[in-house]
Amino acid sequence: MPVLAAGLGLMPLVVSAQGVTIDHKAVGCIVAEQYPKMSACFVPAAGLARSRVYFRAGGTPHWYFVDGRPDMPCVGYVLPKPKRSIKFVDYYVEGMSSGGGEGRTAEYKPIVVVRASECKRDVPVAPFLTKATVVVGATPGAPSIIPGFVVGAGGLSSGAVLGIVAGGAAVAGTAVALSGNDTTTTTSAITLPPGVTLPPVTTTTTTTTTTTVTPQPFSADFKIFPFPPQGKEPFEVTFDECASTGVNLKFIYDFDGDGIDDLKDGCSVTQVYRLTGVSATAVMPGPPPTTLPPASRTFDARACVGQGTHKECRIWHIVVNENTGASVGPVEPMSAARRIAWASELDLDGGSGQVVVNGEAAAFASRGRSAGAAVGRRGVNRIEAQVVEAAGRPGTWRFELGTTGSLEAGSVRVIAGEVALVTESAIVFRLKGRPGERVVFAFRTER
């Protein structure tokens, strides 16, 4: 199929094959934990029988798809929520005419970020919805739980089977309705543009099953990122309650712990903590203070999730320190049995880094020696560390796990990076001294 024009978001990509022309402006950046939106136009629109966006978490083998819905003058698509743990999404757009012609775009690999502000200025960001109903189809052989995406309990429903027509042959597929907080009933039927029908198929029977999604009971889920970190002022903290379930949920925040609600908004918000106070951006508004701020300051931030008259809250203890950076953790003590602790020694000129435990808890690592702790899990735990700043000269990064009481001696193993030394409770990596350089290792805990 000839490519008439291409460019990642800078200009539309137009692909034509057997009478199907696709005009799609690619996206290069997707916000995690939100429903991404895309669109494509087809010429002639009256001859379109079906259009889809095929997608998968970057690096995974199986494709899933969502069908397009009329979004005049083009066709719109809504994907399920990608998780924070994936780095990018593979996707492409496909169209089929009523005469059996097919066309598809090239494959794109937009990155996944926590906040839209993390996208580069010249890279198009996918619009997103905070609440949506998404019908997802699985290609043959794909597992019912979509890797890297948020789905409802039980993954894809094996009872919602559709006969999907492709090039005159029937291909078995599986579909499920994924609902937002305020949606209770969905259907797995594919919606086509007005007046358009699928071509007749004589060798197979196409069936449609309606799936009713029962509202999930109210359950508040509280997360904070990073947790628990080591950092420097200004310190950016994200409160995340998007995994909460229920109907018409409300999210309330008191960022500085003064007993006054500061915000009633979405399920994920970010604030910047400084010795001088709290703001939604890294630059504090107003004139500079007339007196010096204290050397350290504590904020008992409160996040609440409510449904009707029922409300649950979590207090997060946030400490900003002029010399040692900042730390975030729950007021309640961490379970000693699940506690993972480590010492980091970053010997890298101009270096600093970030340490992520099990894809969730993140910690800042400055040059020299620092320490961190996080809630781990029984069995295999994974630590991924990345160089944030470096002067371009080689160095080393050493991790010691001796303070993790439940560490299984000798279980440390390398996943990525150039290793200089591995012992029963420590590992040393060689670094080239480049920002973005990544090392990964795993180990086991006994309880």
Protein backbone atom coordinates (compact mmCIF):
# COMPACT_ATOMS: atom_id res chain seq x y z
CA MET A 1 0.00 0.00 0.00
CA PRO A 2 1.55 3.37 -0.94
CA VAL A 3 2.29 5.94 1.76
CA LEU A 4 1.38 9.37 0.38
CA ALA A 5 2.41 11.46 3.40
CA ALA A 6 3.90 10.64 6.77
CA GLY A 7 5.17 12.34 9.91
CA LEU A 8 4.66 11.65 13.60
CA GLY A 9 1.87 14.10 14.33
CA LEU A 10 3.38 16.83 12.15
CA MET A 11 1.12 16.04 9.20
CA PRO A 12 -1.63 13.49 8.51
CA LEU A 13 -0.70 10.05 7.23
CA VAL A 14 -2.77 9.05 4.21
CA VAL A 15 -2.77 5.39 3.16
CA SER A 16 -4.73 3.98 0.25
CA ALA A 17 -5.25 0.34 -0.74
CA GLN A 18 -8.02 -1.22 -2.84
CA GLY A 19 -10.21 1.86 -2.59
CA VAL A 20 -9.69 2.53 1.19
CA THR A 21 -8.00 5.84 2.02
CA ILE A 22 -7.07 6.58 5.67
CA ASP A 23 -6.27 10.09 6.84
CA HIS A 24 -4.90 9.86 10.41
CA LYS A 25 -2.83 12.33 12.43
CA ALA A 26 -0.60 10.13 14.57
CA VAL A 27 -0.09 10.78 18.30
CA GLY A 28 3.31 10.58 19.95
CA CYS A 29 2.44 10.78 23.65
CA ILE A 30 -0.30 9.14 25.80
CA VAL A 31 -1.20 9.95 29.42
CA ALA A 32 -1.31 6.90 31.69
CA GLU A 33 -4.43 5.92 33.66
CA GLN A 34 -6.70 7.86 31.24
CA TYR A 35 -8.74 6.76 28.22
CA PRO A 36 -6.83 7.88 25.06
CA LYS A 37 -8.86 9.26 22.14
CA MET A 38 -7.90 9.05 18.45
CA SER A 39 -9.57 9.82 15.14
CA ALA A 40 -9.23 8.99 11.46
CA CYS A 41 -11.04 10.01 8.27
CA PHE A 42 -11.88 7.67 5.41
CA VAL A 43 -12.56 8.48 1.77
CA PRO A 44 -15.13 7.74 0.53
CA ALA A 45 -16.87 7.69 3.92
CA ALA A 46 -20.00 6.07 2.46
CA GLY A 47 -18.01 2.99 1.42
CA LEU A 48 -16.59 2.29 4.89
CA ALA A 49 -17.78 -1.02 6.38
CA ARG A 50 -15.49 -1.20 9.41
CA SER A 51 -12.59 0.66 10.99
CA ARG A 52 -10.40 -0.28 13.93
CA VAL A 53 -7.41 0.75 15.97
CA TYR A 54 -5.21 -2.24 16.81
CA PHE A 55 -3.05 -1.74 19.89
CA ARG A 56 -0.81 -3.48 22.42
CA ALA A 57 1.62 -2.58 25.19
CA GLY A 58 5.03 -1.98 23.67
CA GLY A 59 7.08 -5.16 23.47
CA THR A 60 4.16 -7.59 24.00
CA PRO A 61 3.23 -10.13 21.27
CA HIS A 62 -0.58 -10.01 21.04
CA TRP A 63 -2.79 -7.35 19.45
CA TYR A 64 -6.15 -6.09 20.72
CA PHE A 65 -8.55 -3.71 18.98
CA VAL A 66 -11.33 -1.17 19.40
CA ASP A 67 -13.88 -0.42 16.70
CA GLY A 68 -14.52 3.10 15.47
CA ARG A 69 -17.65 5.07 16.16
CA PRO A 70 -18.98 7.95 14.02
CA ASP A 71 -17.45 11.25 15.18
CA MET A 72 -18.45 13.62 12.40
CA PRO A 73 -16.94 14.29 10.01
CA CYS A 74 -14.59 11.36 10.77
CA VAL A 75 -14.43 8.25 12.99
CA GLY A 76 -13.40 8.28 16.66
CA TYR A 77 -11.73 5.64 18.82
CA VAL A 78 -11.31 5.32 22.60
CA LEU A 79 -8.68 2.93 24.00
CA PRO A 80 -8.56 1.42 27.50
CA LYS A 81 -6.35 3.04 30.13
CA PRO A 82 -2.64 2.24 29.77
CA LYS A 83 -0.87 1.57 33.05
CA ARG A 84 1.99 3.69 34.35
CA SER A 85 4.27 0.66 34.22
CA ILE A 86 4.48 0.49 30.41
CA LYS A 87 6.85 2.73 28.44
CA PHE A 88 5.01 2.98 25.11
CA VAL A 89 2.05 1.66 23.10
CA ASP A 90 2.11 0.12 19.62
CA TYR A 91 -0.89 0.97 17.44
CA TYR A 92 -2.13 1.28 13.87
CA VAL A 93 -5.43 2.16 12.16
CA GLU A 94 -7.18 -0.25 9.78
CA GLY A 95 -10.17 0.25 7.51
CA MET A 96 -12.30 -2.04 5.32
CA SER A 97 -14.70 -1.00 2.58
CA SER A 98 -18.07 -2.56 1.88
CA GLY A 99 -16.54 -4.00 -1.30
CA GLY A 100 -13.89 -5.92 0.65
CA GLY A 101 -10.97 -3.51 0.14
CA GLU A 102 -8.62 -3.01 3.08
CA GLY A 103 -6.10 -0.40 4.14
CA ARG A 104 -3.97 0.34 7.20
CA THR A 105 -1.51 2.93 8.42
CA ALA A 106 2.04 2.35 9.58
CA GLU A 107 2.63 1.29 13.19
CA TYR A 108 3.23 4.07 15.72
CA LYS A 109 4.90 3.91 19.14
CA PRO A 110 3.68 6.81 21.33
CA ILE A 111 5.33 7.00 24.75
CA VAL A 112 3.30 6.70 27.97
CA VAL A 113 3.74 9.42 30.61
CA VAL A 114 2.21 10.13 34.01
CA ARG A 115 1.25 13.72 33.13
CA ALA A 116 0.68 15.51 29.82
CA SER A 117 3.29 18.10 30.83
CA GLU A 118 5.95 15.39 30.46
CA CYS A 119 5.35 15.17 26.69
CA LYS A 120 7.81 17.04 24.50
CA ARG A 121 6.51 20.32 23.16
CA ASP A 122 6.58 19.29 19.49
CA VAL A 123 5.01 15.83 20.04
CA PRO A 124 1.19 15.60 19.70
CA VAL A 125 -0.53 14.39 22.88
CA ALA A 126 -3.53 12.06 22.57
CA PRO A 127 -6.69 13.70 23.98
CA PHE A 128 -8.15 11.63 26.81
CA LEU A 129 -11.28 10.98 28.85
CA THR A 130 -11.40 10.36 32.59
CA LYS A 131 -14.57 8.25 32.24
CA ALA A 132 -15.57 6.11 29.27
CA THR A 133 -17.05 2.82 28.11
CA VAL A 134 -14.68 0.85 25.88
CA VAL A 135 -15.42 -2.35 23.96
CA VAL A 136 -12.14 -4.24 23.43
CA GLY A 137 -11.64 -7.10 20.99
CA ALA A 138 -8.87 -9.70 21.24
CA THR A 139 -7.22 -11.28 18.21
CA PRO A 140 -7.04 -15.10 18.17
CA GLY A 141 -4.59 -16.48 20.73
CA ALA A 142 -4.45 -13.30 22.82
CA PRO A 143 -4.89 -13.70 26.61
CA SER A 144 -8.07 -12.39 28.21
CA ILE A 145 -6.14 -10.03 30.51
CA ILE A 146 -4.67 -7.21 28.42
CA PRO A 147 -1.01 -6.77 29.43
CA GLY A 148 -0.21 -3.19 30.40
CA PHE A 149 -3.81 -1.90 30.42
CA VAL A 150 -6.43 -1.39 33.13
CA VAL A 151 -9.43 -3.70 32.67
CA GLY A 152 -12.38 -4.72 34.81
CA ALA A 153 -12.36 -7.76 37.07
CA GLY A 154 -11.97 -10.95 35.06
CA GLY A 155 -10.39 -9.31 31.98
CA LEU A 156 -12.09 -10.04 28.66
CA SER A 157 -15.45 -11.78 28.91
CA SER A 158 -15.29 -15.17 27.19
CA GLY A 159 -19.05 -15.06 26.76
CA ALA A 160 -19.02 -11.98 24.50
CA VAL A 161 -17.85 -13.62 21.26
CA LEU A 162 -18.18 -11.82 17.93
CA GLY A 163 -17.76 -13.20 14.42
CA ILE A 164 -15.51 -10.52 12.90
CA VAL A 165 -15.51 -10.42 9.10
CA ALA A 166 -12.12 -9.73 7.49
CA GLY A 167 -11.59 -10.11 3.75
CA GLY A 168 -14.61 -12.40 3.32
CA ALA A 169 -13.58 -14.89 6.05
CA ALA A 170 -14.82 -15.06 9.62
CA VAL A 171 -12.19 -14.66 12.35
CA ALA A 172 -13.08 -15.50 15.94
CA GLY A 173 -12.60 -12.68 18.40
CA THR A 174 -13.38 -11.87 22.00
CA ALA A 175 -14.79 -8.59 23.26
CA VAL A 176 -15.54 -7.02 26.63
CA ALA A 177 -17.02 -3.73 27.80
CA LEU A 178 -14.75 -1.74 30.11
CA SER A 179 -16.73 0.81 32.10
CA GLY A 180 -15.90 4.08 33.80
CA ASN A 181 -17.08 4.94 37.30
CA ASP A 182 -20.45 6.33 36.23
CA THR A 183 -21.48 3.74 33.60
CA THR A 184 -23.50 0.65 34.51
CA THR A 185 -24.66 -0.98 31.27
CA THR A 186 -22.77 -1.50 28.00
CA THR A 187 -23.08 -3.60 24.88
CA SER A 188 -20.51 -5.39 22.76
CA ALA A 189 -22.22 -4.61 19.44
CA ILE A 190 -20.04 -2.94 16.78
CA THR A 191 -21.38 0.45 15.62
CA LEU A 192 -20.95 1.31 11.91
CA PRO A 193 -21.52 4.63 10.11
CA PRO A 194 -25.17 5.34 9.20
CA GLY A 195 -26.38 3.33 6.22
CA VAL A 196 -23.35 1.04 6.10
CA THR A 197 -23.62 -2.72 6.59
CA LEU A 198 -21.15 -5.59 6.54
CA PRO A 199 -21.02 -7.68 3.35
CA PRO A 200 -22.97 -10.95 3.48
CA VAL A 201 -21.13 -14.02 4.71
CA THR A 202 -22.59 -17.39 3.78
CA THR A 203 -20.10 -19.73 5.45
CA THR A 204 -20.38 -18.39 9.01
CA THR A 205 -22.90 -16.92 11.40
CA THR A 206 -22.18 -13.61 13.05
CA THR A 207 -23.54 -13.34 16.58
CA THR A 208 -23.68 -10.48 19.02
CA THR A 209 -23.90 -10.91 22.77
CA THR A 210 -24.95 -8.15 25.12
CA THR A 211 -22.93 -7.90 28.32
CA THR A 212 -24.37 -6.16 31.37
CA VAL A 213 -21.75 -4.78 33.75
CA THR A 214 -22.86 -4.75 37.39
CA PRO A 215 -21.75 -1.60 39.22
CA GLN A 216 -18.71 -2.32 41.37
CA PRO A 217 -19.12 -1.69 45.11
CA PHE A 218 -17.55 1.41 46.62
CA SER A 219 -13.89 0.89 47.42
CA ALA A 220 -11.31 3.65 47.93
CA ASP A 221 -7.79 3.04 46.66
CA PHE A 222 -5.01 5.45 47.68
CA LYS A 223 -1.60 5.76 46.00
CA ILE A 224 1.10 8.39 46.03
CA PHE A 225 4.05 8.86 43.68
CA PRO A 226 6.86 8.65 44.41
CA PHE A 227 6.62 6.36 47.42
CA PRO A 228 8.80 6.38 49.41
CA PRO A 229 11.28 8.75 47.71
CA GLN A 230 14.41 10.74 48.47
CA GLY A 231 14.40 14.07 46.64
CA LYS A 232 15.34 17.70 46.49
CA GLU A 233 13.21 20.82 46.72
CA PRO A 234 11.03 21.58 44.75
CA PHE A 235 9.46 18.19 45.31
CA GLU A 236 6.66 17.00 43.00
CA VAL A 237 4.05 14.63 44.48
CA THR A 238 1.15 12.95 42.66
CA PHE A 239 -1.92 11.76 44.57
CA ASP A 240 -3.65 8.92 42.70
CA GLU A 241 -7.05 7.42 43.58
CA CYS A 242 -7.94 6.31 40.03
CA ALA A 243 -8.15 2.64 41.01
CA SER A 244 -11.10 3.40 43.33
CA THR A 245 -14.42 1.86 42.34
CA GLY A 246 -18.03 2.95 42.76
CA VAL A 247 -20.62 5.26 41.20
CA ASN A 248 -20.23 9.05 40.81
CA LEU A 249 -17.07 9.18 42.91
CA LYS A 250 -15.82 12.47 44.34
CA PHE A 251 -12.15 13.23 45.07
CA ILE A 252 -11.21 15.78 47.73
CA TYR A 253 -7.74 17.03 48.71
CA ASP A 254 -6.23 19.02 51.57
CA PHE A 255 -2.62 19.37 50.41
CA ASP A 256 -1.14 21.22 53.38
CA GLY A 257 -3.06 19.57 56.23
CA ASP A 258 -4.67 22.76 57.52
CA GLY A 259 -8.14 21.19 57.67
CA ILE A 260 -9.45 23.16 54.68
CA ASP A 261 -10.26 21.38 51.41
CA ASP A 262 -7.97 22.79 48.71
CA LEU A 263 -9.34 20.93 45.68
CA LYS A 264 -12.34 18.87 44.60
CA ASP A 265 -11.31 17.49 41.25
CA GLY A 266 -10.11 14.38 39.40
CA CYS A 267 -8.70 11.11 40.68
CA SER A 268 -5.06 12.09 39.95
CA VAL A 269 -3.54 15.46 40.85
CA THR A 270 0.03 16.70 41.24
CA GLN A 271 1.37 19.29 43.68
CA VAL A 272 4.84 20.73 44.31
CA TYR A 273 6.02 20.82 47.93
CA ARG A 274 8.59 23.41 48.99
CA LEU A 275 9.79 24.81 52.27
CA THR A 276 7.71 27.91 51.47
CA GLY A 277 4.48 25.97 50.87
CA VAL A 278 2.53 24.00 48.26
CA SER A 279 1.63 24.85 44.66
CA ALA A 280 0.37 23.16 41.51
CA THR A 281 3.56 24.10 39.62
CA ALA A 282 7.26 24.06 40.34
CA VAL A 283 7.39 27.87 40.50
CA MET A 284 5.74 29.38 43.55
CA PRO A 285 3.45 32.34 42.75
CA GLY A 286 3.82 35.78 44.28
CA PRO A 287 6.82 37.84 45.43
CA PRO A 288 9.78 36.24 47.20
CA PRO A 289 9.36 35.74 50.97
CA THR A 290 10.63 38.49 53.25
CA THR A 291 11.99 35.93 55.74
CA LEU A 292 14.00 32.79 55.18
CA PRO A 293 11.98 29.54 55.15
CA PRO A 294 12.61 26.94 57.86
CA ALA A 295 15.26 24.25 57.32
CA SER A 296 12.54 21.60 57.19
CA ARG A 297 8.77 21.50 57.02
CA THR A 298 6.14 18.82 57.47
CA PHE A 299 2.79 18.54 55.66
CA ASP A 300 0.11 16.01 56.69
CA ALA A 301 -1.72 15.95 53.37
CA ARG A 302 -5.20 14.40 53.23
CA ALA A 303 -6.77 12.68 50.20
CA CYS A 304 -10.41 11.52 50.29
CA VAL A 305 -12.68 9.47 48.04
CA GLY A 306 -16.43 9.83 48.47
CA GLN A 307 -19.62 8.24 47.16
CA GLY A 308 -22.84 9.81 48.33
CA THR A 309 -22.57 10.25 52.11
CA HIS A 310 -19.76 7.69 52.42
CA LYS A 311 -16.19 9.05 52.47
CA GLU A 312 -12.81 7.45 53.14
CA CYS A 313 -9.56 9.39 53.62
CA ARG A 314 -5.83 8.71 53.82
CA ILE A 315 -3.27 10.94 55.53
CA TRP A 316 0.16 11.15 53.86
CA HIS A 317 3.11 12.42 55.88
CA ILE A 318 5.22 14.67 53.62
CA VAL A 319 8.51 16.12 54.88
CA VAL A 320 10.57 18.66 52.93
CA ASN A 321 14.11 19.13 54.20
CA GLU A 322 16.55 21.73 52.97
CA ASN A 323 19.56 19.43 53.15
CA THR A 324 18.33 15.86 52.71
CA GLY A 325 15.57 16.55 50.19
CA ALA A 326 12.03 15.34 50.73
CA SER A 327 10.27 12.16 51.68
CA VAL A 328 6.72 10.88 51.41
CA GLY A 329 5.17 8.01 53.29
CA PRO A 330 1.96 6.99 55.05
CA VAL A 331 1.42 7.95 58.64
CA GLU A 332 0.93 4.32 59.56
CA PRO A 333 4.24 2.40 59.98
CA MET A 334 5.50 0.16 57.18
CA SER A 335 5.23 -3.58 57.80
CA ALA A 336 8.69 -4.84 58.74
CA ALA A 337 8.05 -8.21 57.10
CA ARG A 338 7.45 -6.60 53.68
CA ARG A 339 9.99 -3.80 53.98
CA ILE A 340 12.69 -3.61 51.31
CA ALA A 341 15.65 -1.41 52.17
CA TRP A 342 18.76 -0.62 50.17
CA ALA A 343 21.84 1.58 50.11
CA SER A 344 22.78 3.27 46.84
CA GLU A 345 26.29 4.48 46.06
CA LEU A 346 26.39 6.43 42.79
CA ASP A 347 29.98 7.17 41.78
CA LEU A 348 29.29 9.32 38.73
CA ASP A 349 30.47 12.88 38.01
CA GLY A 350 27.52 15.27 38.03
CA GLY A 351 25.28 12.28 38.56
CA SER A 352 21.83 11.74 40.01
CA GLY A 353 19.29 9.01 39.41
CA GLN A 354 15.93 7.46 40.18
CA VAL A 355 15.23 4.04 41.67
CA VAL A 356 11.88 2.29 41.02
CA VAL A 357 10.79 -0.77 43.05
CA ASN A 358 8.35 -3.24 41.46
CA GLY A 359 7.21 -0.62 38.95
CA GLU A 360 5.49 1.48 41.63
CA ALA A 361 7.61 2.95 44.44
CA ALA A 362 10.21 5.50 43.27
CA ALA A 363 13.16 7.08 45.09
CA PHE A 364 15.69 9.78 44.25
CA ALA A 365 19.38 8.85 44.35
CA SER A 366 21.95 11.62 44.55
CA ARG A 367 25.64 11.30 43.80
CA GLY A 368 27.46 9.51 46.59
CA ARG A 369 25.75 7.37 49.19
CA SER A 370 22.03 7.44 49.92
CA ALA A 371 19.44 5.04 51.30
CA GLY A 372 15.85 4.11 50.50
CA ALA A 373 13.02 1.84 51.59
CA ALA A 374 9.75 0.61 50.10
CA VAL A 375 6.97 -1.88 50.66
CA GLY A 376 8.02 -5.06 48.85
CA ARG A 377 6.32 -8.35 48.19
CA ARG A 378 6.96 -11.96 49.01
CA GLY A 379 9.01 -13.74 46.35
CA VAL A 380 10.65 -11.90 43.45
CA ASN A 381 11.18 -8.14 43.73
CA ARG A 382 12.52 -5.97 40.91
CA ILE A 383 14.56 -2.77 41.10
CA GLU A 384 15.00 -0.57 38.04
CA ALA A 385 17.38 2.39 38.28
CA GLN A 386 17.93 5.12 35.71
CA VAL A 387 20.54 7.88 35.42
CA VAL A 388 18.81 11.28 35.38
CA GLU A 389 21.85 13.58 35.29
CA ALA A 390 25.44 12.84 34.26
CA ALA A 391 28.51 14.67 32.97
CA GLY A 392 29.37 12.08 30.32
CA ARG A 393 32.23 10.37 32.16
CA PRO A 394 32.17 6.67 33.15
CA GLY A 395 31.37 5.60 36.70
CA THR A 396 29.69 2.92 38.80
CA TRP A 397 26.43 2.39 40.69
CA ARG A 398 26.43 0.04 43.68
CA PHE A 399 23.35 -1.32 45.45
CA GLU A 400 23.49 -3.05 48.83
CA LEU A 401 20.49 -5.03 50.13
CA GLY A 402 21.91 -6.15 53.47
CA THR A 403 19.36 -4.07 55.41
CA THR A 404 16.47 -6.03 53.86
CA GLY A 405 15.87 -8.52 56.67
CA SER A 406 13.90 -11.00 54.54
CA LEU A 407 16.44 -11.08 51.67
CA GLU A 408 17.12 -14.58 50.32
CA ALA A 409 20.91 -14.73 50.22
CA GLY A 410 22.39 -15.32 46.78
CA SER A 411 19.13 -14.55 44.92
CA VAL A 412 20.36 -11.31 43.31
CA ARG A 413 20.34 -11.62 39.51
CA VAL A 414 20.98 -9.18 36.67
CA ILE A 415 18.26 -8.27 34.16
CA ALA A 416 19.82 -5.30 32.34
CA GLY A 417 23.08 -3.35 32.56
CA GLU A 418 26.83 -3.98 32.54
CA VAL A 419 27.74 -5.74 35.78
CA ALA A 420 31.09 -5.35 37.56
CA LEU A 421 30.32 -7.37 40.72
CA VAL A 422 27.57 -9.51 42.25
CA THR A 423 27.62 -10.84 45.83
CA GLU A 424 25.01 -12.48 48.08
CA SER A 425 23.51 -9.10 48.97
CA ALA A 426 25.06 -6.48 46.65
CA ILE A 427 25.51 -5.65 42.98
CA VAL A 428 27.71 -3.12 41.15
CA PHE A 429 27.03 -1.79 37.62
CA ARG A 430 29.42 0.00 35.28
CA LEU A 431 27.99 3.21 33.78
CA LYS A 432 28.95 5.15 30.66
CA GLY A 433 27.80 8.40 32.25
CA ARG A 434 24.84 9.19 29.98
CA PRO A 435 21.42 10.49 31.11
CA GLY A 436 18.76 7.83 30.53
CA GLU A 437 21.16 4.93 31.14
CA ARG A 438 19.22 2.08 32.79
CA VAL A 439 20.12 -0.88 35.02
CA VAL A 440 17.73 -3.56 36.31
CA PHE A 441 18.11 -6.39 38.79
CA ALA A 442 15.87 -8.73 40.81
CA PHE A 443 16.07 -10.62 44.10
CA ARG A 444 13.86 -12.77 46.29
CA THR A 445 12.50 -12.24 49.78
CA GLU A 446 11.50 -15.10 52.06
CA ARG A 447 8.29 -13.60 53.50
